[in-house]
């Protein structure tokens, strides 16, 4: 059973077959699938699942705070089930591969007061960009 499924059960979220399949597809580390990728994988497990059901379920999971919607560039939004452990993203500038990274330190503390322009900053999103080993070899 995935951590996401456990969290959803703990919240008392009604677990239909369709919702379960979407949650199972999102299981794992470094998962950053587009809605279309989630749908394709869900159809392989449950052929009758509709695209609308997948999109609606992803929207609910984002609203619940159980899945993050990640937009790292102009490509399609991706869905990250690693919503409860603070992390940043490492993105390949060529193929778009995304990896979760957990650097040490506090990026919020790295922003000097003079650069906060009076904002009360509560969150930081950092995206590291580069070229992955696969693209480097190609």
Protein backbone atom coordinates (compact mmCIF):
# COMPACT_ATOMS: atom_id res chain seq x y z
CA UNK A 1 0.00 0.00 0.00
CA UNK A 2 1.33 3.44 -0.88
CA UNK A 3 1.82 6.30 1.53
CA UNK A 4 -0.73 8.29 -0.50
CA UNK A 5 -3.36 5.57 -0.10
CA UNK A 6 -2.68 5.44 3.65
CA UNK A 7 -3.01 9.22 3.96
CA UNK A 8 -6.27 9.23 2.00
CA UNK A 9 -7.73 6.43 4.09
CA UNK A 10 -6.71 8.32 7.23
CA UNK A 11 -8.68 11.31 6.00
CA UNK A 12 -11.75 9.15 5.43
CA UNK A 13 -11.67 9.86 1.67
CA UNK A 14 -14.19 7.66 -0.13
CA UNK A 15 -12.02 5.12 -1.95
CA UNK A 16 -13.74 4.12 -5.19
CA UNK A 17 -11.98 1.79 -7.63
CA UNK A 18 -11.18 4.77 -9.86
CA UNK A 19 -9.72 6.86 -7.05
CA UNK A 20 -7.68 3.90 -5.81
CA UNK A 21 -6.17 3.36 -9.28
CA UNK A 22 -5.21 7.04 -9.61
CA UNK A 23 -3.57 6.95 -6.17
CA UNK A 24 -1.74 3.70 -7.05
CA UNK A 25 -0.45 5.23 -10.30
CA UNK A 26 0.96 8.17 -8.31
CA UNK A 27 2.77 5.88 -5.85
CA UNK A 28 6.54 6.05 -5.60
CA UNK A 29 9.50 8.35 -5.32
CA UNK A 30 10.28 10.92 -8.00
CA UNK A 31 6.81 10.56 -9.51
CA UNK A 32 5.91 13.62 -11.57
CA UNK A 33 3.36 12.47 -14.12
CA UNK A 34 1.17 14.61 -16.36
CA UNK A 35 -2.58 14.07 -16.19
CA UNK A 36 -2.42 12.27 -19.54
CA UNK A 37 0.31 9.96 -18.23
CA UNK A 38 -1.76 9.23 -15.11
CA UNK A 39 -4.74 8.47 -17.36
CA UNK A 40 -2.73 6.13 -19.63
CA UNK A 41 -1.37 4.19 -16.66
CA UNK A 42 -4.77 4.11 -14.96
CA UNK A 43 -6.42 2.71 -18.12
CA UNK A 44 -3.89 -0.12 -18.10
CA UNK A 45 -5.13 -1.08 -14.62
CA UNK A 46 -8.80 -0.17 -15.01
CA UNK A 47 -9.78 0.08 -18.70
CA UNK A 48 -13.13 1.77 -18.05
CA UNK A 49 -11.68 4.78 -16.20
CA UNK A 50 -12.40 8.03 -18.04
CA UNK A 51 -10.08 10.94 -18.64
CA UNK A 52 -12.58 13.21 -16.82
CA UNK A 53 -12.48 10.98 -13.74
CA UNK A 54 -8.67 11.12 -13.70
CA UNK A 55 -8.65 14.93 -14.07
CA UNK A 56 -11.33 15.34 -11.38
CA UNK A 57 -9.50 13.00 -9.00
CA UNK A 58 -6.21 14.83 -9.52
CA UNK A 59 -8.01 18.12 -8.82
CA UNK A 60 -9.45 16.72 -5.60
CA UNK A 61 -6.06 15.40 -4.49
CA UNK A 62 -4.48 18.80 -5.10
CA UNK A 63 -7.33 20.56 -3.22
CA UNK A 64 -6.85 18.20 -0.29
CA UNK A 65 -3.13 18.99 -0.23
CA UNK A 66 -2.25 15.34 -0.79
CA UNK A 67 -0.67 15.89 -4.22
CA UNK A 68 1.30 18.88 -5.48
CA UNK A 69 0.70 20.40 -8.89
CA UNK A 70 4.14 21.14 -10.32
CA UNK A 71 4.75 23.50 -13.21
CA UNK A 72 8.48 23.78 -13.84
CA UNK A 73 8.36 25.15 -17.37
CA UNK A 74 5.91 25.69 -20.21
CA UNK A 75 5.18 21.98 -20.43
CA UNK A 76 2.11 20.28 -18.97
CA UNK A 77 1.55 20.42 -15.23
CA UNK A 78 2.79 17.40 -13.36
CA UNK A 79 1.48 15.78 -10.20
CA UNK A 80 3.77 15.01 -7.26
CA UNK A 81 2.52 12.79 -4.40
CA UNK A 82 5.43 13.88 -2.20
CA UNK A 83 3.28 16.62 -0.68
CA UNK A 84 4.18 16.17 2.98
CA UNK A 85 7.97 16.24 2.89
CA UNK A 86 9.52 19.58 1.98
CA UNK A 87 11.64 19.28 -1.14
CA UNK A 88 12.80 21.02 -4.28
CA UNK A 89 12.98 19.86 -7.87
CA UNK A 90 15.84 19.09 -10.22
CA UNK A 91 14.71 19.38 -13.85
CA UNK A 92 16.43 18.27 -17.05
CA UNK A 93 16.34 21.19 -19.48
CA UNK A 94 16.32 18.80 -22.44
CA UNK A 95 13.88 15.94 -21.69
CA UNK A 96 11.96 17.42 -18.75
CA UNK A 97 12.75 14.65 -16.26
CA UNK A 98 12.04 15.82 -12.70
CA UNK A 99 13.66 14.48 -9.55
CA UNK A 100 12.89 15.40 -5.94
CA UNK A 101 15.89 16.74 -4.05
CA UNK A 102 16.31 17.44 -0.35
CA UNK A 103 19.24 19.83 0.12
CA UNK A 104 20.26 20.79 3.60
CA UNK A 105 19.85 24.30 4.87
CA UNK A 106 16.93 26.68 4.94
CA UNK A 107 16.29 28.48 1.63
CA UNK A 108 13.85 30.81 3.39
CA UNK A 109 16.67 32.04 5.59
CA UNK A 110 18.80 32.68 2.48
CA UNK A 111 16.51 35.54 1.39
CA UNK A 112 17.80 38.69 3.12
CA UNK A 113 15.25 41.00 4.70
CA UNK A 114 16.22 43.70 2.20
CA UNK A 115 15.02 41.44 -0.63
CA UNK A 116 11.66 40.55 0.95
CA UNK A 117 10.07 43.93 0.11
CA UNK A 118 7.95 43.76 3.26
CA UNK A 119 6.54 40.32 2.42
CA UNK A 120 5.90 37.85 5.20
CA UNK A 121 7.39 34.87 3.35
CA UNK A 122 5.89 31.50 4.27
CA UNK A 123 7.10 29.14 1.56
CA UNK A 124 9.90 28.65 -0.94
CA UNK A 125 9.93 26.72 -4.21
CA UNK A 126 13.35 26.04 -5.70
CA UNK A 127 13.93 24.48 -9.10
CA UNK A 128 17.40 23.40 -10.09
CA UNK A 129 17.93 23.04 -13.85
CA UNK A 130 20.53 21.10 -15.74
CA UNK A 131 20.95 18.15 -18.06
CA UNK A 132 20.30 14.60 -16.86
CA UNK A 133 22.84 11.79 -17.42
CA UNK A 134 20.73 10.21 -20.18
CA UNK A 135 20.59 13.42 -22.21
CA UNK A 136 24.27 14.10 -21.54
CA UNK A 137 25.16 10.72 -23.08
CA UNK A 138 22.95 11.30 -26.14
